[in-house]
ModelCIF file with pLDDT and N, C-alpha, C, O atoms, coordinates in Angstrom:
data_MODEL
#
_entry.id   MODEL 
#
_entity.id                         1 
_entity.type                       polymer 
_entity.pdbx_number_of_molecules   1 
#
_entity_poly.entity_id                      1 
_entity_poly.type                           'polypeptide(L)' 
_entity_poly.nstd_linkage                   no 
_entity_poly.nstd_monomer                   no 
_entity_poly.pdbx_seq_one_letter_code       
;(UNK)(UNK)(UNK)(UNK)(UNK)(UNK)(UNK)(UNK)(UNK)(UNK)(UNK)(UNK)(UNK)(UNK)(UNK)(UNK)
(UNK)(UNK)(UNK)(UNK)(UNK)(UNK)(UNK)(UNK)(UNK)(UNK)(UNK)(UNK)(UNK)(UNK)(UNK)(UNK)
(UNK)(UNK)(UNK)(UNK)(UNK)(UNK)(UNK)(UNK)(UNK)(UNK)(UNK)(UNK)(UNK)(UNK)(UNK)
;
_entity_poly.pdbx_seq_one_letter_code_can   XXXXXXXXXXXXXXXXXXXXXXXXXXXXXXXXXXXXXXXXXXXXXXX 
_entity_poly.pdbx_strand_id                 A 
#
loop_
_entity_poly_seq.entity_id 
_entity_poly_seq.num 
_entity_poly_seq.mon_id 
_entity_poly_seq.hetero 
1 1  UNK n 
1 2  UNK n 
1 3  UNK n 
1 4  UNK n 
1 5  UNK n 
1 6  UNK n 
1 7  UNK n 
1 8  UNK n 
1 9  UNK n 
1 10 UNK n 
1 11 UNK n 
1 12 UNK n 
1 13 UNK n 
1 14 UNK n 
1 15 UNK n 
1 16 UNK n 
1 17 UNK n 
1 18 UNK n 
1 19 UNK n 
1 20 UNK n 
1 21 UNK n 
1 22 UNK n 
1 23 UNK n 
1 24 UNK n 
1 25 UNK n 
1 26 UNK n 
1 27 UNK n 
1 28 UNK n 
1 29 UNK n 
1 30 UNK n 
1 31 UNK n 
1 32 UNK n 
1 33 UNK n 
1 34 UNK n 
1 35 UNK n 
1 36 UNK n 
1 37 UNK n 
1 38 UNK n 
1 39 UNK n 
1 40 UNK n 
1 41 UNK n 
1 42 UNK n 
1 43 UNK n 
1 44 UNK n 
1 45 UNK n 
1 46 UNK n 
1 47 UNK n 
#
_struct_asym.id          A 
_struct_asym.entity_id   1 
#
loop_
_ma_qa_metric.id 
_ma_qa_metric.mode 
_ma_qa_metric.name 
_ma_qa_metric.software_group_id 
_ma_qa_metric.type 
1 global pLDDT . pLDDT 
2 local  pLDDT . pLDDT 
#
_ma_qa_metric_global.metric_id      1 
_ma_qa_metric_global.metric_value   95.70 
_ma_qa_metric_global.model_id       1 
_ma_qa_metric_global.ordinal_id     1 
#
loop_
_ma_qa_metric_local.label_asym_id 
_ma_qa_metric_local.label_comp_id 
_ma_qa_metric_local.label_seq_id 
_ma_qa_metric_local.metric_id 
_ma_qa_metric_local.metric_value 
_ma_qa_metric_local.model_id 
_ma_qa_metric_local.ordinal_id 
A UNK 1  2 95.00 1 1  
A UNK 2  2 96.00 1 2  
A UNK 3  2 96.00 1 3  
A UNK 4  2 95.00 1 4  
A UNK 5  2 95.00 1 5  
A UNK 6  2 96.00 1 6  
A UNK 7  2 96.00 1 7  
A UNK 8  2 95.00 1 8  
A UNK 9  2 95.00 1 9  
A UNK 10 2 96.00 1 10 
A UNK 11 2 96.00 1 11 
A UNK 12 2 94.00 1 12 
A UNK 13 2 95.00 1 13 
A UNK 14 2 95.00 1 14 
A UNK 15 2 94.00 1 15 
A UNK 16 2 93.00 1 16 
A UNK 17 2 93.00 1 17 
A UNK 18 2 92.00 1 18 
A UNK 19 2 91.00 1 19 
A UNK 20 2 94.00 1 20 
A UNK 21 2 96.00 1 21 
A UNK 22 2 96.00 1 22 
A UNK 23 2 98.00 1 23 
A UNK 24 2 97.00 1 24 
A UNK 25 2 97.00 1 25 
A UNK 26 2 97.00 1 26 
A UNK 27 2 98.00 1 27 
A UNK 28 2 98.00 1 28 
A UNK 29 2 98.00 1 29 
A UNK 30 2 98.00 1 30 
A UNK 31 2 98.00 1 31 
A UNK 32 2 98.00 1 32 
A UNK 33 2 98.00 1 33 
A UNK 34 2 98.00 1 34 
A UNK 35 2 97.00 1 35 
A UNK 36 2 97.00 1 36 
A UNK 37 2 97.00 1 37 
A UNK 38 2 96.00 1 38 
A UNK 39 2 96.00 1 39 
A UNK 40 2 96.00 1 40 
A UNK 41 2 95.00 1 41 
A UNK 42 2 94.00 1 42 
A UNK 43 2 95.00 1 43 
A UNK 44 2 96.00 1 44 
A UNK 45 2 94.00 1 45 
A UNK 46 2 93.00 1 46 
A UNK 47 2 95.00 1 47 
#
loop_
_atom_site.group_PDB 
_atom_site.id 
_atom_site.type_symbol 
_atom_site.label_atom_id 
_atom_site.label_alt_id 
_atom_site.label_comp_id 
_atom_site.label_asym_id 
_atom_site.label_entity_id 
_atom_site.label_seq_id 
_atom_site.pdbx_PDB_ins_code 
_atom_site.Cartn_x 
_atom_site.Cartn_y 
_atom_site.Cartn_z 
_atom_site.occupancy 
_atom_site.B_iso_or_equiv 
_atom_site.pdbx_formal_charge 
_atom_site.auth_seq_id 
_atom_site.auth_comp_id 
_atom_site.auth_asym_id 
_atom_site.auth_atom_id 
_atom_site.pdbx_PDB_model_num 
ATOM 1   N N  . UNK A 1 1  ? 212.963 55.963 -158.585 1.00 95.00 ? 1  UNK A N  1 
ATOM 2   C CA . UNK A 1 1  ? 212.642 55.452 -159.913 1.00 95.00 ? 1  UNK A CA 1 
ATOM 3   C C  . UNK A 1 1  ? 213.891 55.361 -160.789 1.00 95.00 ? 1  UNK A C  1 
ATOM 4   O O  . UNK A 1 1  ? 214.031 54.426 -161.577 1.00 95.00 ? 1  UNK A O  1 
ATOM 5   N N  . UNK A 1 2  ? 214.787 56.318 -160.653 1.00 96.00 ? 2  UNK A N  1 
ATOM 6   C CA . UNK A 1 2  ? 216.026 56.288 -161.430 1.00 96.00 ? 2  UNK A CA 1 
ATOM 7   C C  . UNK A 1 2  ? 216.837 55.035 -161.098 1.00 96.00 ? 2  UNK A C  1 
ATOM 8   O O  . UNK A 1 2  ? 217.320 54.342 -161.993 1.00 96.00 ? 2  UNK A O  1 
ATOM 9   N N  . UNK A 1 3  ? 216.978 54.758 -159.810 1.00 96.00 ? 3  UNK A N  1 
ATOM 10  C CA . UNK A 1 3  ? 217.706 53.561 -159.382 1.00 96.00 ? 3  UNK A CA 1 
ATOM 11  C C  . UNK A 1 3  ? 217.014 52.300 -159.895 1.00 96.00 ? 3  UNK A C  1 
ATOM 12  O O  . UNK A 1 3  ? 217.666 51.362 -160.352 1.00 96.00 ? 3  UNK A O  1 
ATOM 13  N N  . UNK A 1 4  ? 215.697 52.292 -159.813 1.00 95.00 ? 4  UNK A N  1 
ATOM 14  C CA . UNK A 1 4  ? 214.939 51.128 -160.275 1.00 95.00 ? 4  UNK A CA 1 
ATOM 15  C C  . UNK A 1 4  ? 215.150 50.884 -161.767 1.00 95.00 ? 4  UNK A C  1 
ATOM 16  O O  . UNK A 1 4  ? 215.273 49.733 -162.187 1.00 95.00 ? 4  UNK A O  1 
ATOM 17  N N  . UNK A 1 5  ? 215.193 51.939 -162.570 1.00 95.00 ? 5  UNK A N  1 
ATOM 18  C CA . UNK A 1 5  ? 215.368 51.780 -164.021 1.00 95.00 ? 5  UNK A CA 1 
ATOM 19  C C  . UNK A 1 5  ? 216.754 51.221 -164.348 1.00 95.00 ? 5  UNK A C  1 
ATOM 20  O O  . UNK A 1 5  ? 216.890 50.359 -165.215 1.00 95.00 ? 5  UNK A O  1 
ATOM 21  N N  . UNK A 1 6  ? 217.774 51.713 -163.654 1.00 96.00 ? 6  UNK A N  1 
ATOM 22  C CA . UNK A 1 6  ? 219.113 51.162 -163.891 1.00 96.00 ? 6  UNK A CA 1 
ATOM 23  C C  . UNK A 1 6  ? 219.152 49.696 -163.476 1.00 96.00 ? 6  UNK A C  1 
ATOM 24  O O  . UNK A 1 6  ? 219.747 48.867 -164.164 1.00 96.00 ? 6  UNK A O  1 
ATOM 25  N N  . UNK A 1 7  ? 218.519 49.381 -162.352 1.00 96.00 ? 7  UNK A N  1 
ATOM 26  C CA . UNK A 1 7  ? 218.470 47.987 -161.903 1.00 96.00 ? 7  UNK A CA 1 
ATOM 27  C C  . UNK A 1 7  ? 217.821 47.093 -162.950 1.00 96.00 ? 7  UNK A C  1 
ATOM 28  O O  . UNK A 1 7  ? 218.251 45.956 -163.145 1.00 96.00 ? 7  UNK A O  1 
ATOM 29  N N  . UNK A 1 8  ? 216.802 47.587 -163.620 1.00 95.00 ? 8  UNK A N  1 
ATOM 30  C CA . UNK A 1 8  ? 216.153 46.797 -164.662 1.00 95.00 ? 8  UNK A CA 1 
ATOM 31  C C  . UNK A 1 8  ? 217.099 46.534 -165.829 1.00 95.00 ? 8  UNK A C  1 
ATOM 32  O O  . UNK A 1 8  ? 217.129 45.433 -166.378 1.00 95.00 ? 8  UNK A O  1 
ATOM 33  N N  . UNK A 1 9  ? 217.878 47.561 -166.208 1.00 95.00 ? 9  UNK A N  1 
ATOM 34  C CA . UNK A 1 9  ? 218.879 47.374 -167.263 1.00 95.00 ? 9  UNK A CA 1 
ATOM 35  C C  . UNK A 1 9  ? 219.920 46.336 -166.847 1.00 95.00 ? 9  UNK A C  1 
ATOM 36  O O  . UNK A 1 9  ? 220.286 45.459 -167.630 1.00 95.00 ? 9  UNK A O  1 
ATOM 37  N N  . UNK A 1 10 ? 220.391 46.449 -165.607 1.00 96.00 ? 10 UNK A N  1 
ATOM 38  C CA . UNK A 1 10 ? 221.411 45.530 -165.103 1.00 96.00 ? 10 UNK A CA 1 
ATOM 39  C C  . UNK A 1 10 ? 220.855 44.113 -165.023 1.00 96.00 ? 10 UNK A C  1 
ATOM 40  O O  . UNK A 1 10 ? 221.560 43.153 -165.332 1.00 96.00 ? 10 UNK A O  1 
ATOM 41  N N  . UNK A 1 11 ? 219.597 43.976 -164.609 1.00 96.00 ? 11 UNK A N  1 
ATOM 42  C CA . UNK A 1 11 ? 218.972 42.649 -164.563 1.00 96.00 ? 11 UNK A CA 1 
ATOM 43  C C  . UNK A 1 11 ? 219.035 41.976 -165.928 1.00 96.00 ? 11 UNK A C  1 
ATOM 44  O O  . UNK A 1 11 ? 219.363 40.794 -166.030 1.00 96.00 ? 11 UNK A O  1 
ATOM 45  N N  . UNK A 1 12 ? 218.722 42.725 -166.962 1.00 94.00 ? 12 UNK A N  1 
ATOM 46  C CA . UNK A 1 12 ? 218.738 42.166 -168.318 1.00 94.00 ? 12 UNK A CA 1 
ATOM 47  C C  . UNK A 1 12 ? 220.153 41.778 -168.730 1.00 94.00 ? 12 UNK A C  1 
ATOM 48  O O  . UNK A 1 12 ? 220.371 40.698 -169.280 1.00 94.00 ? 12 UNK A O  1 
ATOM 49  N N  . UNK A 1 13 ? 221.117 42.665 -168.460 1.00 95.00 ? 13 UNK A N  1 
ATOM 50  C CA . UNK A 1 13 ? 222.502 42.374 -168.828 1.00 95.00 ? 13 UNK A CA 1 
ATOM 51  C C  . UNK A 1 13 ? 223.024 41.162 -168.078 1.00 95.00 ? 13 UNK A C  1 
ATOM 52  O O  . UNK A 1 13 ? 223.674 40.298 -168.667 1.00 95.00 ? 13 UNK A O  1 
ATOM 53  N N  . UNK A 1 14 ? 222.743 41.091 -166.778 1.00 95.00 ? 14 UNK A N  1 
ATOM 54  C CA . UNK A 1 14 ? 223.252 39.978 -165.976 1.00 95.00 ? 14 UNK A CA 1 
ATOM 55  C C  . UNK A 1 14 ? 222.650 38.642 -166.383 1.00 95.00 ? 14 UNK A C  1 
ATOM 56  O O  . UNK A 1 14 ? 223.214 37.591 -166.076 1.00 95.00 ? 14 UNK A O  1 
ATOM 57  N N  . UNK A 1 15 ? 221.505 38.667 -167.075 1.00 94.00 ? 15 UNK A N  1 
ATOM 58  C CA . UNK A 1 15 ? 220.905 37.414 -167.550 1.00 94.00 ? 15 UNK A CA 1 
ATOM 59  C C  . UNK A 1 15 ? 221.678 36.837 -168.728 1.00 94.00 ? 15 UNK A C  1 
ATOM 60  O O  . UNK A 1 15 ? 221.426 35.703 -169.137 1.00 94.00 ? 15 UNK A O  1 
ATOM 61  N N  . UNK A 1 16 ? 222.624 37.610 -169.282 1.00 93.00 ? 16 UNK A N  1 
ATOM 62  C CA . UNK A 1 16 ? 223.361 37.163 -170.468 1.00 93.00 ? 16 UNK A CA 1 
ATOM 63  C C  . UNK A 1 16 ? 224.849 36.950 -170.206 1.00 93.00 ? 16 UNK A C  1 
ATOM 64  O O  . UNK A 1 16 ? 225.580 36.568 -171.120 1.00 93.00 ? 16 UNK A O  1 
ATOM 65  N N  . UNK A 1 17 ? 225.316 37.189 -168.976 1.00 93.00 ? 17 UNK A N  1 
ATOM 66  C CA . UNK A 1 17 ? 226.754 37.111 -168.701 1.00 93.00 ? 17 UNK A CA 1 
ATOM 67  C C  . UNK A 1 17 ? 227.044 36.117 -167.582 1.00 93.00 ? 17 UNK A C  1 
ATOM 68  O O  . UNK A 1 17 ? 226.131 35.608 -166.932 1.00 93.00 ? 17 UNK A O  1 
ATOM 69  N N  . UNK A 1 18 ? 228.326 35.853 -167.372 1.00 92.00 ? 18 UNK A N  1 
ATOM 70  C CA . UNK A 1 18 ? 228.761 34.991 -166.289 1.00 92.00 ? 18 UNK A CA 1 
ATOM 71  C C  . UNK A 1 18 ? 229.367 35.826 -165.174 1.00 92.00 ? 18 UNK A C  1 
ATOM 72  O O  . UNK A 1 18 ? 229.477 37.045 -165.306 1.00 92.00 ? 18 UNK A O  1 
ATOM 73  N N  . UNK A 1 19 ? 229.756 35.195 -164.093 1.00 91.00 ? 19 UNK A N  1 
ATOM 74  C CA . UNK A 1 19 ? 230.369 35.895 -162.966 1.00 91.00 ? 19 UNK A CA 1 
ATOM 75  C C  . UNK A 1 19 ? 231.678 36.559 -163.377 1.00 91.00 ? 19 UNK A C  1 
ATOM 76  O O  . UNK A 1 19 ? 232.112 37.517 -162.738 1.00 91.00 ? 19 UNK A O  1 
ATOM 77  N N  . UNK A 1 20 ? 232.314 36.056 -164.442 1.00 94.00 ? 20 UNK A N  1 
ATOM 78  C CA . UNK A 1 20 ? 233.574 36.629 -164.906 1.00 94.00 ? 20 UNK A CA 1 
ATOM 79  C C  . UNK A 1 20 ? 233.397 38.035 -165.463 1.00 94.00 ? 20 UNK A C  1 
ATOM 80  O O  . UNK A 1 20 ? 234.378 38.757 -165.642 1.00 94.00 ? 20 UNK A O  1 
ATOM 81  N N  . UNK A 1 21 ? 232.154 38.433 -165.740 1.00 96.00 ? 21 UNK A N  1 
ATOM 82  C CA . UNK A 1 21 ? 231.888 39.765 -166.271 1.00 96.00 ? 21 UNK A CA 1 
ATOM 83  C C  . UNK A 1 21 ? 231.066 40.621 -165.304 1.00 96.00 ? 21 UNK A C  1 
ATOM 84  O O  . UNK A 1 21 ? 230.572 41.688 -165.668 1.00 96.00 ? 21 UNK A O  1 
ATOM 85  N N  . UNK A 1 22 ? 230.931 40.145 -164.092 1.00 96.00 ? 22 UNK A N  1 
ATOM 86  C CA . UNK A 1 22 ? 230.095 40.816 -163.099 1.00 96.00 ? 22 UNK A CA 1 
ATOM 87  C C  . UNK A 1 22 ? 230.699 42.145 -162.666 1.00 96.00 ? 22 UNK A C  1 
ATOM 88  O O  . UNK A 1 22 ? 231.917 42.280 -162.546 1.00 96.00 ? 22 UNK A O  1 
ATOM 89  N N  . UNK A 1 23 ? 229.822 43.131 -162.433 1.00 98.00 ? 23 UNK A N  1 
ATOM 90  C CA . UNK A 1 23 ? 230.222 44.434 -161.913 1.00 98.00 ? 23 UNK A CA 1 
ATOM 91  C C  . UNK A 1 23 ? 229.292 44.763 -160.741 1.00 98.00 ? 23 UNK A C  1 
ATOM 92  O O  . UNK A 1 23 ? 228.077 44.620 -160.872 1.00 98.00 ? 23 UNK A O  1 
ATOM 93  N N  . UNK A 1 24 ? 229.837 45.201 -159.599 1.00 97.00 ? 24 UNK A N  1 
ATOM 94  C CA . UNK A 1 24 ? 228.982 45.522 -158.448 1.00 97.00 ? 24 UNK A CA 1 
ATOM 95  C C  . UNK A 1 24 ? 227.904 46.538 -158.813 1.00 97.00 ? 24 UNK A C  1 
ATOM 96  O O  . UNK A 1 24 ? 228.192 47.598 -159.368 1.00 97.00 ? 24 UNK A O  1 
ATOM 97  N N  . UNK A 1 25 ? 226.685 46.203 -158.500 1.00 97.00 ? 25 UNK A N  1 
ATOM 98  C CA . UNK A 1 25 ? 225.545 47.018 -158.928 1.00 97.00 ? 25 UNK A CA 1 
ATOM 99  C C  . UNK A 1 25 ? 225.584 48.425 -158.322 1.00 97.00 ? 25 UNK A C  1 
ATOM 100 O O  . UNK A 1 25 ? 225.320 49.405 -159.018 1.00 97.00 ? 25 UNK A O  1 
ATOM 101 N N  . UNK A 1 26 ? 225.909 48.529 -157.033 1.00 97.00 ? 26 UNK A N  1 
ATOM 102 C CA . UNK A 1 26 ? 225.925 49.843 -156.407 1.00 97.00 ? 26 UNK A CA 1 
ATOM 103 C C  . UNK A 1 26 ? 227.014 50.752 -156.984 1.00 97.00 ? 26 UNK A C  1 
ATOM 104 O O  . UNK A 1 26 ? 226.878 51.976 -156.976 1.00 97.00 ? 26 UNK A O  1 
ATOM 105 N N  . UNK A 1 27 ? 228.085 50.149 -157.479 1.00 98.00 ? 27 UNK A N  1 
ATOM 106 C CA . UNK A 1 27 ? 229.121 50.951 -158.128 1.00 98.00 ? 27 UNK A CA 1 
ATOM 107 C C  . UNK A 1 27 ? 228.601 51.493 -159.453 1.00 98.00 ? 27 UNK A C  1 
ATOM 108 O O  . UNK A 1 27 ? 228.845 52.650 -159.796 1.00 98.00 ? 27 UNK A O  1 
ATOM 109 N N  . UNK A 1 28 ? 227.888 50.656 -160.192 1.00 98.00 ? 28 UNK A N  1 
ATOM 110 C CA . UNK A 1 28 ? 227.300 51.077 -161.469 1.00 98.00 ? 28 UNK A CA 1 
ATOM 111 C C  . UNK A 1 28 ? 226.366 52.267 -161.246 1.00 98.00 ? 28 UNK A C  1 
ATOM 112 O O  . UNK A 1 28 ? 226.473 53.299 -161.908 1.00 98.00 ? 28 UNK A O  1 
ATOM 113 N N  . UNK A 1 29 ? 225.453 52.092 -160.300 1.00 98.00 ? 29 UNK A N  1 
ATOM 114 C CA . UNK A 1 29 ? 224.455 53.130 -160.048 1.00 98.00 ? 29 UNK A CA 1 
ATOM 115 C C  . UNK A 1 29 ? 225.122 54.400 -159.540 1.00 98.00 ? 29 UNK A C  1 
ATOM 116 O O  . UNK A 1 29 ? 224.792 55.500 -159.982 1.00 98.00 ? 29 UNK A O  1 
ATOM 117 N N  . UNK A 1 30 ? 226.070 54.247 -158.603 1.00 98.00 ? 30 UNK A N  1 
ATOM 118 C CA . UNK A 1 30 ? 226.722 55.416 -158.013 1.00 98.00 ? 30 UNK A CA 1 
ATOM 119 C C  . UNK A 1 30 ? 227.495 56.220 -159.061 1.00 98.00 ? 30 UNK A C  1 
ATOM 120 O O  . UNK A 1 30 ? 227.454 57.450 -159.048 1.00 98.00 ? 30 UNK A O  1 
ATOM 121 N N  . UNK A 1 31 ? 228.193 55.539 -159.959 1.00 98.00 ? 31 UNK A N  1 
ATOM 122 C CA . UNK A 1 31 ? 228.915 56.264 -161.003 1.00 98.00 ? 31 UNK A CA 1 
ATOM 123 C C  . UNK A 1 31 ? 227.948 56.993 -161.927 1.00 98.00 ? 31 UNK A C  1 
ATOM 124 O O  . UNK A 1 31 ? 228.211 58.118 -162.350 1.00 98.00 ? 31 UNK A O  1 
ATOM 125 N N  . UNK A 1 32 ? 226.841 56.353 -162.232 1.00 98.00 ? 32 UNK A N  1 
ATOM 126 C CA . UNK A 1 32 ? 225.838 56.990 -163.075 1.00 98.00 ? 32 UNK A CA 1 
ATOM 127 C C  . UNK A 1 32 ? 225.255 58.225 -162.394 1.00 98.00 ? 32 UNK A C  1 
ATOM 128 O O  . UNK A 1 32 ? 225.062 59.262 -163.029 1.00 98.00 ? 32 UNK A O  1 
ATOM 129 N N  . UNK A 1 33 ? 224.980 58.104 -161.107 1.00 98.00 ? 33 UNK A N  1 
ATOM 130 C CA . UNK A 1 33 ? 224.440 59.233 -160.348 1.00 98.00 ? 33 UNK A CA 1 
ATOM 131 C C  . UNK A 1 33 ? 225.427 60.401 -160.351 1.00 98.00 ? 33 UNK A C  1 
ATOM 132 O O  . UNK A 1 33 ? 225.039 61.550 -160.559 1.00 98.00 ? 33 UNK A O  1 
ATOM 133 N N  . UNK A 1 34 ? 226.705 60.096 -160.119 1.00 98.00 ? 34 UNK A N  1 
ATOM 134 C CA . UNK A 1 34 ? 227.714 61.146 -160.087 1.00 98.00 ? 34 UNK A CA 1 
ATOM 135 C C  . UNK A 1 34 ? 227.876 61.804 -161.450 1.00 98.00 ? 34 UNK A C  1 
ATOM 136 O O  . UNK A 1 34 ? 228.003 63.025 -161.540 1.00 98.00 ? 34 UNK A O  1 
ATOM 137 N N  . UNK A 1 35 ? 227.872 60.998 -162.512 1.00 97.00 ? 35 UNK A N  1 
ATOM 138 C CA . UNK A 1 35 ? 228.097 61.533 -163.854 1.00 97.00 ? 35 UNK A CA 1 
ATOM 139 C C  . UNK A 1 35 ? 226.914 62.330 -164.381 1.00 97.00 ? 35 UNK A C  1 
ATOM 140 O O  . UNK A 1 35 ? 227.096 63.213 -165.219 1.00 97.00 ? 35 UNK A O  1 
ATOM 141 N N  . UNK A 1 36 ? 225.696 62.039 -163.907 1.00 97.00 ? 36 UNK A N  1 
ATOM 142 C CA . UNK A 1 36 ? 224.503 62.660 -164.496 1.00 97.00 ? 36 UNK A CA 1 
ATOM 143 C C  . UNK A 1 36 ? 223.664 63.469 -163.530 1.00 97.00 ? 36 UNK A C  1 
ATOM 144 O O  . UNK A 1 36 ? 222.693 64.102 -163.943 1.00 97.00 ? 36 UNK A O  1 
ATOM 145 N N  . UNK A 1 37 ? 224.022 63.464 -162.230 1.00 97.00 ? 37 UNK A N  1 
ATOM 146 C CA . UNK A 1 37 ? 223.176 64.151 -161.256 1.00 97.00 ? 37 UNK A CA 1 
ATOM 147 C C  . UNK A 1 37 ? 221.800 63.526 -161.189 1.00 97.00 ? 37 UNK A C  1 
ATOM 148 O O  . UNK A 1 37 ? 220.780 64.197 -161.346 1.00 97.00 ? 37 UNK A O  1 
ATOM 149 N N  . UNK A 1 38 ? 221.795 62.208 -160.949 1.00 96.00 ? 38 UNK A N  1 
ATOM 150 C CA . UNK A 1 38 ? 220.541 61.443 -160.883 1.00 96.00 ? 38 UNK A CA 1 
ATOM 151 C C  . UNK A 1 38 ? 219.762 61.507 -162.200 1.00 96.00 ? 38 UNK A C  1 
ATOM 152 O O  . UNK A 1 38 ? 218.533 61.571 -162.211 1.00 96.00 ? 38 UNK A O  1 
ATOM 153 N N  . UNK A 1 39 ? 220.509 61.487 -163.310 1.00 96.00 ? 39 UNK A N  1 
ATOM 154 C CA . UNK A 1 39 ? 219.863 61.432 -164.616 1.00 96.00 ? 39 UNK A CA 1 
ATOM 155 C C  . UNK A 1 39 ? 219.332 62.748 -165.118 1.00 96.00 ? 39 UNK A C  1 
ATOM 156 O O  . UNK A 1 39 ? 218.557 62.777 -166.073 1.00 96.00 ? 39 UNK A O  1 
ATOM 157 N N  . UNK A 1 40 ? 219.737 63.855 -164.487 1.00 96.00 ? 40 UNK A N  1 
ATOM 158 C CA . UNK A 1 40 ? 219.193 65.168 -164.846 1.00 96.00 ? 40 UNK A CA 1 
ATOM 159 C C  . UNK A 1 40 ? 220.099 65.963 -165.788 1.00 96.00 ? 40 UNK A C  1 
ATOM 160 O O  . UNK A 1 40 ? 219.716 67.046 -166.230 1.00 96.00 ? 40 UNK A O  1 
ATOM 161 N N  . UNK A 1 41 ? 221.271 65.458 -166.101 1.00 95.00 ? 41 UNK A N  1 
ATOM 162 C CA . UNK A 1 41 ? 222.179 66.200 -166.975 1.00 95.00 ? 41 UNK A CA 1 
ATOM 163 C C  . UNK A 1 41 ? 221.693 66.156 -168.423 1.00 95.00 ? 41 UNK A C  1 
ATOM 164 O O  . UNK A 1 41 ? 220.933 65.268 -168.811 1.00 95.00 ? 41 UNK A O  1 
ATOM 165 N N  . UNK A 1 42 ? 222.145 67.130 -169.214 1.00 94.00 ? 42 UNK A N  1 
ATOM 166 C CA . UNK A 1 42 ? 221.798 67.149 -170.635 1.00 94.00 ? 42 UNK A CA 1 
ATOM 167 C C  . UNK A 1 42 ? 222.317 65.907 -171.346 1.00 94.00 ? 42 UNK A C  1 
ATOM 168 O O  . UNK A 1 42 ? 221.668 65.375 -172.246 1.00 94.00 ? 42 UNK A O  1 
ATOM 169 N N  . UNK A 1 43 ? 223.504 65.450 -170.927 1.00 95.00 ? 43 UNK A N  1 
ATOM 170 C CA . UNK A 1 43 ? 224.095 64.270 -171.554 1.00 95.00 ? 43 UNK A CA 1 
ATOM 171 C C  . UNK A 1 43 ? 223.212 63.039 -171.351 1.00 95.00 ? 43 UNK A C  1 
ATOM 172 O O  . UNK A 1 43 ? 223.087 62.197 -172.240 1.00 95.00 ? 43 UNK A O  1 
ATOM 173 N N  . UNK A 1 44 ? 222.606 62.951 -170.172 1.00 96.00 ? 44 UNK A N  1 
ATOM 174 C CA . UNK A 1 44 ? 221.709 61.829 -169.893 1.00 96.00 ? 44 UNK A CA 1 
ATOM 175 C C  . UNK A 1 44 ? 220.389 61.980 -170.633 1.00 96.00 ? 44 UNK A C  1 
ATOM 176 O O  . UNK A 1 44 ? 219.899 61.029 -171.243 1.00 96.00 ? 44 UNK A O  1 
ATOM 177 N N  . UNK A 1 45 ? 219.823 63.158 -170.580 1.00 94.00 ? 45 UNK A N  1 
ATOM 178 C CA . UNK A 1 45 ? 218.496 63.365 -171.157 1.00 94.00 ? 45 UNK A CA 1 
ATOM 179 C C  . UNK A 1 45 ? 218.516 63.397 -172.685 1.00 94.00 ? 45 UNK A C  1 
ATOM 180 O O  . UNK A 1 45 ? 217.652 62.803 -173.330 1.00 94.00 ? 45 UNK A O  1 
ATOM 181 N N  . UNK A 1 46 ? 219.497 64.085 -173.262 1.00 93.00 ? 46 UNK A N  1 
ATOM 182 C CA . UNK A 1 46 ? 219.518 64.273 -174.712 1.00 93.00 ? 46 UNK A CA 1 
ATOM 183 C C  . UNK A 1 46 ? 220.310 63.212 -175.460 1.00 93.00 ? 46 UNK A C  1 
ATOM 184 O O  . UNK A 1 46 ? 220.045 62.945 -176.633 1.00 93.00 ? 46 UNK A O  1 
ATOM 185 N N  . UNK A 1 47 ? 221.282 62.605 -174.784 1.00 95.00 ? 47 UNK A N  1 
ATOM 186 C CA . UNK A 1 47 ? 222.165 61.656 -175.472 1.00 95.00 ? 47 UNK A CA 1 
ATOM 187 C C  . UNK A 1 47 ? 222.128 60.257 -174.884 1.00 95.00 ? 47 UNK A C  1 
ATOM 188 O O  . UNK A 1 47 ? 222.824 59.365 -175.370 1.00 95.00 ? 47 UNK A O  1 
#
């Protein structure tokens, strides 16, 4: 579900940008996972 929610955010963003602003989706998700522990960190939940 966490991956699905990020994908939904990325879907919306990608609908407004061109290929010149593209970022690999798996890199986005992987960095988020590493920074938040799959969205379980206080920074993710509270901020």
